[in-house]
Amino acid sequence: MEVSKPEVNLWIGKSADDVLAEAFHEIRDPIYNAVGHLSVLKSVELPAEEAQQYINLVLNQALYAKEIIESVYQYMNEKREGQ
């Protein structure tokens, strides 16, 4: 699964409140999915190959959430510097 990278341009023209609300909405799904996959890994014994698939899914979800956070941080810094 390839992680799509959110663009800072996604936030252009939006208020800080709107950016944060949308970012939190975008972050929620990968975090909830990661928690679900980690719960499976913790609760059952899986063959190594299947466990690795879950680990890859969790990593991709975490990387996606990280990219969202970084895009918001970059946008907020650019907005602050532009004032």
N, C-alpha and C. Protein backbone atom coordinates (compact mmCIF):
# COMPACT_ATOMS: atom_id res chain seq x y z
N MET A 1 0.84 -1.18 0.00
CA MET A 1 0.00 0.00 0.00
C MET A 1 0.88 1.23 0.00
N GLU A 2 0.70 2.08 -0.98
CA GLU A 2 1.47 3.31 -1.11
C GLU A 2 0.78 4.41 -0.32
N VAL A 3 1.55 5.16 0.46
CA VAL A 3 1.01 6.26 1.24
C VAL A 3 0.97 7.49 0.37
N SER A 4 -0.23 8.07 0.23
CA SER A 4 -0.32 9.31 -0.53
C SER A 4 0.04 10.46 0.40
N LYS A 5 0.80 11.40 -0.14
CA LYS A 5 1.30 12.50 0.67
C LYS A 5 0.37 13.70 0.56
N PRO A 6 -0.19 14.16 1.69
CA PRO A 6 -1.03 15.35 1.65
C PRO A 6 -0.19 16.56 1.23
N GLU A 7 -0.77 17.42 0.47
CA GLU A 7 -0.07 18.61 0.01
C GLU A 7 -0.45 19.80 0.88
N VAL A 8 0.51 20.68 1.10
CA VAL A 8 0.23 21.91 1.84
C VAL A 8 -0.84 22.70 1.11
N ASN A 9 -0.85 22.62 -0.23
CA ASN A 9 -1.84 23.34 -1.03
C ASN A 9 -3.26 22.97 -0.63
N LEU A 10 -3.43 21.84 -0.03
CA LEU A 10 -4.74 21.40 0.43
C LEU A 10 -5.34 22.41 1.41
N TRP A 11 -4.49 23.10 2.15
CA TRP A 11 -4.95 23.99 3.22
C TRP A 11 -5.03 25.46 2.79
N ILE A 12 -4.50 25.80 1.61
CA ILE A 12 -4.45 27.20 1.20
C ILE A 12 -5.85 27.81 1.17
N GLY A 13 -5.94 29.01 1.73
CA GLY A 13 -7.19 29.75 1.73
C GLY A 13 -8.13 29.38 2.85
N LYS A 14 -7.72 28.46 3.70
CA LYS A 14 -8.60 28.04 4.80
C LYS A 14 -8.11 28.66 6.10
N SER A 15 -9.03 28.86 7.00
CA SER A 15 -8.68 29.40 8.31
C SER A 15 -7.95 28.32 9.11
N ALA A 16 -7.22 28.77 10.13
CA ALA A 16 -6.50 27.82 10.99
C ALA A 16 -7.47 26.83 11.63
N ASP A 17 -8.63 27.32 12.02
CA ASP A 17 -9.63 26.42 12.63
C ASP A 17 -10.09 25.35 11.65
N ASP A 18 -10.33 25.75 10.39
CA ASP A 18 -10.76 24.79 9.37
C ASP A 18 -9.65 23.78 9.07
N VAL A 19 -8.42 24.26 8.99
CA VAL A 19 -7.28 23.37 8.73
C VAL A 19 -7.17 22.33 9.83
N LEU A 20 -7.24 22.77 11.07
CA LEU A 20 -7.13 21.82 12.19
C LEU A 20 -8.29 20.84 12.21
N ALA A 21 -9.50 21.32 11.97
CA ALA A 21 -10.66 20.43 11.97
C ALA A 21 -10.53 19.37 10.88
N GLU A 22 -10.14 19.78 9.67
CA GLU A 22 -9.99 18.83 8.58
C GLU A 22 -8.83 17.87 8.83
N ALA A 23 -7.73 18.40 9.37
CA ALA A 23 -6.57 17.54 9.64
C ALA A 23 -6.92 16.49 10.69
N PHE A 24 -7.60 16.89 11.74
CA PHE A 24 -7.98 15.92 12.77
C PHE A 24 -8.90 14.85 12.19
N HIS A 25 -9.79 15.27 11.31
CA HIS A 25 -10.67 14.30 10.66
C HIS A 25 -9.86 13.32 9.82
N GLU A 26 -8.89 13.83 9.07
CA GLU A 26 -8.03 12.98 8.22
C GLU A 26 -7.13 12.06 9.04
N ILE A 27 -6.69 12.50 10.19
CA ILE A 27 -5.78 11.72 11.03
C ILE A 27 -6.51 10.61 11.77
N ARG A 28 -7.76 10.85 12.10
CA ARG A 28 -8.51 9.90 12.92
C ARG A 28 -8.57 8.50 12.31
N ASP A 29 -8.87 8.39 11.02
CA ASP A 29 -9.02 7.07 10.40
C ASP A 29 -7.74 6.24 10.44
N PRO A 30 -6.58 6.78 10.02
CA PRO A 30 -5.39 5.94 10.07
C PRO A 30 -4.99 5.54 11.50
N ILE A 31 -5.26 6.42 12.46
CA ILE A 31 -4.93 6.08 13.85
C ILE A 31 -5.84 4.96 14.34
N TYR A 32 -7.14 5.08 14.09
CA TYR A 32 -8.07 4.02 14.51
C TYR A 32 -7.74 2.70 13.81
N ASN A 33 -7.41 2.77 12.52
CA ASN A 33 -7.04 1.55 11.80
C ASN A 33 -5.78 0.92 12.38
N ALA A 34 -4.79 1.75 12.70
CA ALA A 34 -3.54 1.24 13.28
C ALA A 34 -3.81 0.56 14.62
N VAL A 35 -4.65 1.17 15.43
CA VAL A 35 -4.99 0.57 16.73
C VAL A 35 -5.66 -0.78 16.53
N GLY A 36 -6.55 -0.88 15.56
CA GLY A 36 -7.21 -2.15 15.27
C GLY A 36 -6.23 -3.22 14.82
N HIS A 37 -5.33 -2.85 13.92
CA HIS A 37 -4.34 -3.83 13.45
C HIS A 37 -3.39 -4.25 14.56
N LEU A 38 -2.97 -3.31 15.39
CA LEU A 38 -2.09 -3.66 16.51
C LEU A 38 -2.80 -4.55 17.52
N SER A 39 -4.10 -4.33 17.71
CA SER A 39 -4.87 -5.18 18.62
C SER A 39 -4.91 -6.62 18.12
N VAL A 40 -5.06 -6.78 16.82
CA VAL A 40 -5.04 -8.12 16.23
C VAL A 40 -3.67 -8.76 16.47
N LEU A 41 -2.62 -8.02 16.20
CA LEU A 41 -1.26 -8.56 16.39
C LEU A 41 -1.02 -8.97 17.84
N LYS A 42 -1.57 -8.22 18.76
CA LYS A 42 -1.37 -8.49 20.18
C LYS A 42 -2.19 -9.68 20.67
N SER A 43 -3.37 -9.88 20.08
CA SER A 43 -4.31 -10.85 20.64
C SER A 43 -4.23 -12.25 20.03
N VAL A 44 -3.66 -12.38 18.83
CA VAL A 44 -3.61 -13.70 18.21
C VAL A 44 -2.21 -13.98 17.68
N GLU A 45 -1.90 -15.25 17.60
CA GLU A 45 -0.63 -15.63 16.99
C GLU A 45 -0.85 -15.80 15.50
N LEU A 46 -0.03 -15.13 14.75
CA LEU A 46 -0.14 -15.18 13.29
C LEU A 46 1.16 -15.71 12.70
N PRO A 47 1.07 -16.34 11.54
CA PRO A 47 2.30 -16.70 10.85
C PRO A 47 3.11 -15.42 10.58
N ALA A 48 4.41 -15.56 10.55
CA ALA A 48 5.29 -14.40 10.39
C ALA A 48 4.93 -13.55 9.18
N GLU A 49 4.60 -14.19 8.08
CA GLU A 49 4.28 -13.45 6.85
C GLU A 49 3.02 -12.60 7.03
N GLU A 50 2.02 -13.16 7.67
CA GLU A 50 0.77 -12.43 7.90
C GLU A 50 0.99 -11.30 8.91
N ALA A 51 1.78 -11.57 9.94
CA ALA A 51 2.10 -10.54 10.93
C ALA A 51 2.83 -9.39 10.26
N GLN A 52 3.72 -9.70 9.34
CA GLN A 52 4.46 -8.66 8.62
C GLN A 52 3.52 -7.80 7.79
N GLN A 53 2.47 -8.40 7.23
CA GLN A 53 1.49 -7.63 6.47
C GLN A 53 0.78 -6.61 7.38
N TYR A 54 0.41 -7.05 8.59
CA TYR A 54 -0.21 -6.14 9.55
C TYR A 54 0.76 -5.03 9.94
N ILE A 55 2.00 -5.39 10.16
CA ILE A 55 3.01 -4.39 10.52
C ILE A 55 3.16 -3.37 9.40
N ASN A 56 3.18 -3.82 8.16
CA ASN A 56 3.28 -2.90 7.03
C ASN A 56 2.07 -1.98 6.94
N LEU A 57 0.89 -2.52 7.20
CA LEU A 57 -0.32 -1.69 7.20
C LEU A 57 -0.25 -0.60 8.27
N VAL A 58 0.16 -1.00 9.47
CA VAL A 58 0.26 -0.04 10.58
C VAL A 58 1.31 1.03 10.25
N LEU A 59 2.44 0.61 9.71
CA LEU A 59 3.48 1.57 9.35
C LEU A 59 2.96 2.56 8.31
N ASN A 60 2.29 2.08 7.29
CA ASN A 60 1.75 2.97 6.26
C ASN A 60 0.72 3.94 6.84
N GLN A 61 -0.11 3.45 7.75
CA GLN A 61 -1.11 4.32 8.37
C GLN A 61 -0.44 5.38 9.24
N ALA A 62 0.58 4.99 9.97
CA ALA A 62 1.32 5.95 10.81
C ALA A 62 2.03 6.98 9.94
N LEU A 63 2.62 6.54 8.83
CA LEU A 63 3.30 7.47 7.94
C LEU A 63 2.32 8.46 7.32
N TYR A 64 1.14 7.99 6.97
CA TYR A 64 0.12 8.89 6.42
C TYR A 64 -0.28 9.94 7.45
N ALA A 65 -0.53 9.52 8.68
CA ALA A 65 -0.89 10.46 9.75
C ALA A 65 0.24 11.46 9.97
N LYS A 66 1.47 10.99 9.93
CA LYS A 66 2.64 11.86 10.09
C LYS A 66 2.69 12.90 8.98
N GLU A 67 2.42 12.50 7.75
CA GLU A 67 2.43 13.43 6.63
C GLU A 67 1.35 14.51 6.79
N ILE A 68 0.21 14.12 7.28
CA ILE A 68 -0.86 15.10 7.51
C ILE A 68 -0.39 16.12 8.55
N ILE A 69 0.16 15.62 9.64
CA ILE A 69 0.65 16.51 10.70
C ILE A 69 1.73 17.44 10.16
N GLU A 70 2.66 16.91 9.39
CA GLU A 70 3.73 17.74 8.83
C GLU A 70 3.19 18.78 7.86
N SER A 71 2.19 18.43 7.06
CA SER A 71 1.63 19.41 6.12
C SER A 71 0.93 20.54 6.86
N VAL A 72 0.23 20.22 7.95
CA VAL A 72 -0.43 21.25 8.75
C VAL A 72 0.62 22.14 9.41
N TYR A 73 1.64 21.53 9.96
CA TYR A 73 2.72 22.28 10.61
C TYR A 73 3.38 23.23 9.61
N GLN A 74 3.68 22.73 8.42
CA GLN A 74 4.31 23.55 7.39
C GLN A 74 3.38 24.70 6.98
N TYR A 75 2.12 24.39 6.78
CA TYR A 75 1.15 25.42 6.40
C TYR A 75 1.06 26.50 7.46
N MET A 76 0.95 26.09 8.71
CA MET A 76 0.83 27.06 9.80
C MET A 76 2.08 27.93 9.90
N ASN A 77 3.26 27.35 9.71
CA ASN A 77 4.49 28.13 9.73
C ASN A 77 4.53 29.12 8.57
N GLU A 78 4.13 28.67 7.39
CA GLU A 78 4.11 29.57 6.23
C GLU A 78 3.10 30.70 6.45
N LYS A 79 1.98 30.37 7.02
CA LYS A 79 0.95 31.38 7.29
C LYS A 79 1.46 32.39 8.31
N ARG A 80 2.12 31.90 9.35
CA ARG A 80 2.65 32.78 10.40
C ARG A 80 3.74 33.70 9.83
N GLU A 81 4.61 33.15 8.98
CA GLU A 81 5.69 33.94 8.39
C GLU A 81 5.14 34.97 7.42
N GLY A 82 4.02 34.71 6.80
CA GLY A 82 3.41 35.62 5.84
C GLY A 82 2.68 36.78 6.48
N GLN A 83 2.49 36.74 7.78
CA GLN A 83 1.76 37.81 8.47
C GLN A 83 2.65 38.97 8.79
